[in-house]
Amino acid sequence: MSNSTASTNSSLNNFRKVALLEGISFILLVFIAMPLKYWADFPLAVKYVGWAHGILFMGYLFMLIQCSIAYSWKFGRVVLFFVASLLPFAPFFVEKKLKEETR
């Protein structure tokens, strides 16, 4: 494997990992932290999970741009992966698709 192939494959694997973590953080935020804030009067859950999710979301976007350039992805694919970051559970489908491509 050439050095450039290894670096782009590495960026795809990193994007896959960030997509998985971003999806988990989104689920935790929406289905655990938000109910804790409003039903159990525990706003710190949203504060900390929200911070983690925000950082992972920015990492997801950064990795999306990086991979779209490295792999010359079509605009439609980039838009689809971006929209997936806005929907609960959708980042898991992105991670699965990227995992299939790394094989």
C-alpha atoms as a PDB file:
ATOM      1  CA  MET A   1       0.000   0.000   0.000  1.00  0.00           C
ATOM      2  CA  SER A   2       1.452   3.356  -0.971  1.00  0.00           C
ATOM      3  CA  ASN A   3       1.869   6.136   1.548  1.00  0.00           C
ATOM      4  CA  SER A   4      -0.855   8.309  -0.034  1.00  0.00           C
ATOM      5  CA  THR A   5      -3.289   5.371  -0.092  1.00  0.00           C
ATOM      6  CA  ALA A   6      -2.551   4.669   3.563  1.00  0.00           C
ATOM      7  CA  SER A   7      -3.157   8.305   4.539  1.00  0.00           C
ATOM      8  CA  THR A   8      -6.468   8.544   2.685  1.00  0.00           C
ATOM      9  CA  ASN A   9      -7.552   5.168   4.046  1.00  0.00           C
ATOM     10  CA  SER A  10      -6.615   6.456   7.492  1.00  0.00           C
ATOM     11  CA  SER A  11      -8.741   9.566   6.986  1.00  0.00           C
ATOM     12  CA  LEU A  12     -11.686   7.391   5.929  1.00  0.00           C
ATOM     13  CA  ASN A  13     -11.265   5.242   9.057  1.00  0.00           C
ATOM     14  CA  ASN A  14     -11.035   8.359  11.227  1.00  0.00           C
ATOM     15  CA  PHE A  15     -14.207   9.748   9.640  1.00  0.00           C
ATOM     16  CA  ARG A  16     -15.945   6.442  10.289  1.00  0.00           C
ATOM     17  CA  LYS A  17     -14.977   6.558  13.974  1.00  0.00           C
ATOM     18  CA  VAL A  18     -16.049  10.190  14.338  1.00  0.00           C
ATOM     19  CA  ALA A  19     -19.380   9.407  12.638  1.00  0.00           C
ATOM     20  CA  LEU A  20     -19.996   6.602  15.124  1.00  0.00           C
ATOM     21  CA  LEU A  21     -19.115   8.762  18.137  1.00  0.00           C
ATOM     22  CA  GLU A  22     -21.142  11.697  16.817  1.00  0.00           C
ATOM     23  CA  GLY A  23     -24.158   9.433  16.366  1.00  0.00           C
ATOM     24  CA  ILE A  24     -23.824   8.091  19.905  1.00  0.00           C
ATOM     25  CA  SER A  25     -23.482  11.583  21.356  1.00  0.00           C
ATOM     26  CA  PHE A  26     -26.559  12.752  19.434  1.00  0.00           C
ATOM     27  CA  ILE A  27     -28.630   9.848  20.789  1.00  0.00           C
ATOM     28  CA  LEU A  28     -27.394  10.517  24.327  1.00  0.00           C
ATOM     29  CA  LEU A  29     -28.214  14.207  23.986  1.00  0.00           C
ATOM     30  CA  VAL A  30     -31.707  13.788  22.561  1.00  0.00           C
ATOM     31  CA  PHE A  31     -32.917  10.714  24.422  1.00  0.00           C
ATOM     32  CA  ILE A  32     -31.121  10.911  27.768  1.00  0.00           C
ATOM     33  CA  ALA A  33     -29.716  14.379  28.513  1.00  0.00           C
ATOM     34  CA  MET A  34     -32.721  16.376  27.291  1.00  0.00           C
ATOM     35  CA  PRO A  35     -35.268  14.309  29.284  1.00  0.00           C
ATOM     36  CA  LEU A  36     -33.022  14.605  32.346  1.00  0.00           C
ATOM     37  CA  LYS A  37     -32.971  18.373  31.920  1.00  0.00           C
ATOM     38  CA  TYR A  38     -36.724  18.818  31.556  1.00  0.00           C
ATOM     39  CA  TRP A  39     -38.169  15.935  33.564  1.00  0.00           C
ATOM     40  CA  ALA A  40     -35.590  15.563  36.343  1.00  0.00           C
ATOM     41  CA  ASP A  41     -34.453  19.199  36.584  1.00  0.00           C
ATOM     42  CA  PHE A  42     -30.858  18.174  35.808  1.00  0.00           C
ATOM     43  CA  PRO A  43     -29.534  20.709  33.252  1.00  0.00           C
ATOM     44  CA  LEU A  44     -25.887  19.680  33.650  1.00  0.00           C
ATOM     45  CA  ALA A  45     -26.553  16.580  31.544  1.00  0.00           C
ATOM     46  CA  VAL A  46     -27.310  18.767  28.528  1.00  0.00           C
ATOM     47  CA  LYS A  47     -24.376  21.022  29.268  1.00  0.00           C
ATOM     48  CA  TYR A  48     -21.748  18.275  29.211  1.00  0.00           C
ATOM     49  CA  VAL A  49     -23.275  15.951  26.642  1.00  0.00           C
ATOM     50  CA  GLY A  50     -24.050  19.005  24.503  1.00  0.00           C
ATOM     51  CA  TRP A  51     -20.428  20.149  24.622  1.00  0.00           C
ATOM     52  CA  ALA A  52     -19.198  16.680  23.669  1.00  0.00           C
ATOM     53  CA  HIS A  53     -21.732  16.441  20.865  1.00  0.00           C
ATOM     54  CA  GLY A  54     -20.806  19.897  19.569  1.00  0.00           C
ATOM     55  CA  ILE A  55     -17.120  19.023  19.413  1.00  0.00           C
ATOM     56  CA  LEU A  56     -17.877  15.709  17.705  1.00  0.00           C
ATOM     57  CA  PHE A  57     -20.230  17.438  15.259  1.00  0.00           C
ATOM     58  CA  MET A  58     -17.488  19.890  14.267  1.00  0.00           C
ATOM     59  CA  GLY A  59     -15.073  16.960  13.920  1.00  0.00           C
ATOM     60  CA  TYR A  60     -17.621  15.178  11.734  1.00  0.00           C
ATOM     61  CA  LEU A  61     -17.906  18.199   9.454  1.00  0.00           C
ATOM     62  CA  PHE A  62     -14.121  18.614   9.305  1.00  0.00           C
ATOM     63  CA  MET A  63     -13.641  14.940   8.444  1.00  0.00           C
ATOM     64  CA  LEU A  64     -16.455  15.104   5.887  1.00  0.00           C
ATOM     65  CA  ILE A  65     -14.708  17.954   4.081  1.00  0.00           C
ATOM     66  CA  GLN A  66     -11.321  16.257   4.346  1.00  0.00           C
ATOM     67  CA  CYS A  67     -12.626  12.955   2.931  1.00  0.00           C
ATOM     68  CA  SER A  68     -14.674  14.633   0.226  1.00  0.00           C
ATOM     69  CA  ILE A  69     -11.488  16.276  -1.053  1.00  0.00           C
ATOM     70  CA  ALA A  70      -9.258  13.204  -0.617  1.00  0.00           C
ATOM     71  CA  TYR A  71     -11.737  10.864  -2.328  1.00  0.00           C
ATOM     72  CA  SER A  72     -13.248  13.360  -4.803  1.00  0.00           C
ATOM     73  CA  TRP A  73     -16.736  12.558  -3.568  1.00  0.00           C
ATOM     74  CA  LYS A  74     -19.669  13.827  -5.576  1.00  0.00           C
ATOM     75  CA  PHE A  75     -21.545  16.817  -4.210  1.00  0.00           C
ATOM     76  CA  GLY A  76     -24.700  14.747  -3.637  1.00  0.00           C
ATOM     77  CA  ARG A  77     -22.842  12.301  -1.422  1.00  0.00           C
ATOM     78  CA  VAL A  78     -21.354  15.116   0.656  1.00  0.00           C
ATOM     79  CA  VAL A  79     -24.805  16.683   1.080  1.00  0.00           C
ATOM     80  CA  LEU A  80     -26.298  13.307   2.027  1.00  0.00           C
ATOM     81  CA  PHE A  81     -23.601  12.715   4.657  1.00  0.00           C
ATOM     82  CA  PHE A  82     -24.094  16.259   5.971  1.00  0.00           C
ATOM     83  CA  VAL A  83     -27.862  15.801   6.288  1.00  0.00           C
ATOM     84  CA  ALA A  84     -27.207  12.483   8.042  1.00  0.00           C
ATOM     85  CA  SER A  85     -25.348  14.386  10.752  1.00  0.00           C
ATOM     86  CA  LEU A  86     -28.541  16.315  11.517  1.00  0.00           C
ATOM     87  CA  LEU A  87     -30.792  13.275  12.031  1.00  0.00           C
ATOM     88  CA  PRO A  88     -30.736  10.896  14.998  1.00  0.00           C
ATOM     89  CA  PHE A  89     -29.489   7.409  14.040  1.00  0.00           C
ATOM     90  CA  ALA A  90     -28.428   8.488  10.513  1.00  0.00           C
ATOM     91  CA  PRO A  91     -24.704   8.779  11.382  1.00  0.00           C
ATOM     92  CA  PHE A  92     -24.755   5.035  12.068  1.00  0.00           C
ATOM     93  CA  PHE A  93     -25.688   4.424   8.423  1.00  0.00           C
ATOM     94  CA  VAL A  94     -22.815   6.677   7.330  1.00  0.00           C
ATOM     95  CA  GLU A  95     -20.441   4.687   9.543  1.00  0.00           C
ATOM     96  CA  LYS A  96     -21.723   1.406   8.090  1.00  0.00           C
ATOM     97  CA  LYS A  97     -21.304   2.662   4.519  1.00  0.00           C
ATOM     98  CA  LEU A  98     -17.756   3.851   5.231  1.00  0.00           C
ATOM     99  CA  LYS A  99     -16.905   0.548   6.914  1.00  0.00           C
ATOM    100  CA  GLU A 100     -18.018  -1.330   3.787  1.00  0.00           C
ATOM    101  CA  GLU A 101     -15.830   0.921   1.638  1.00  0.00           C
ATOM    102  CA  THR A 102     -12.706   0.343   3.726  1.00  0.00           C
ATOM    103  CA  ARG A 103     -12.840  -3.418   3.121  1.00  0.00           C
END
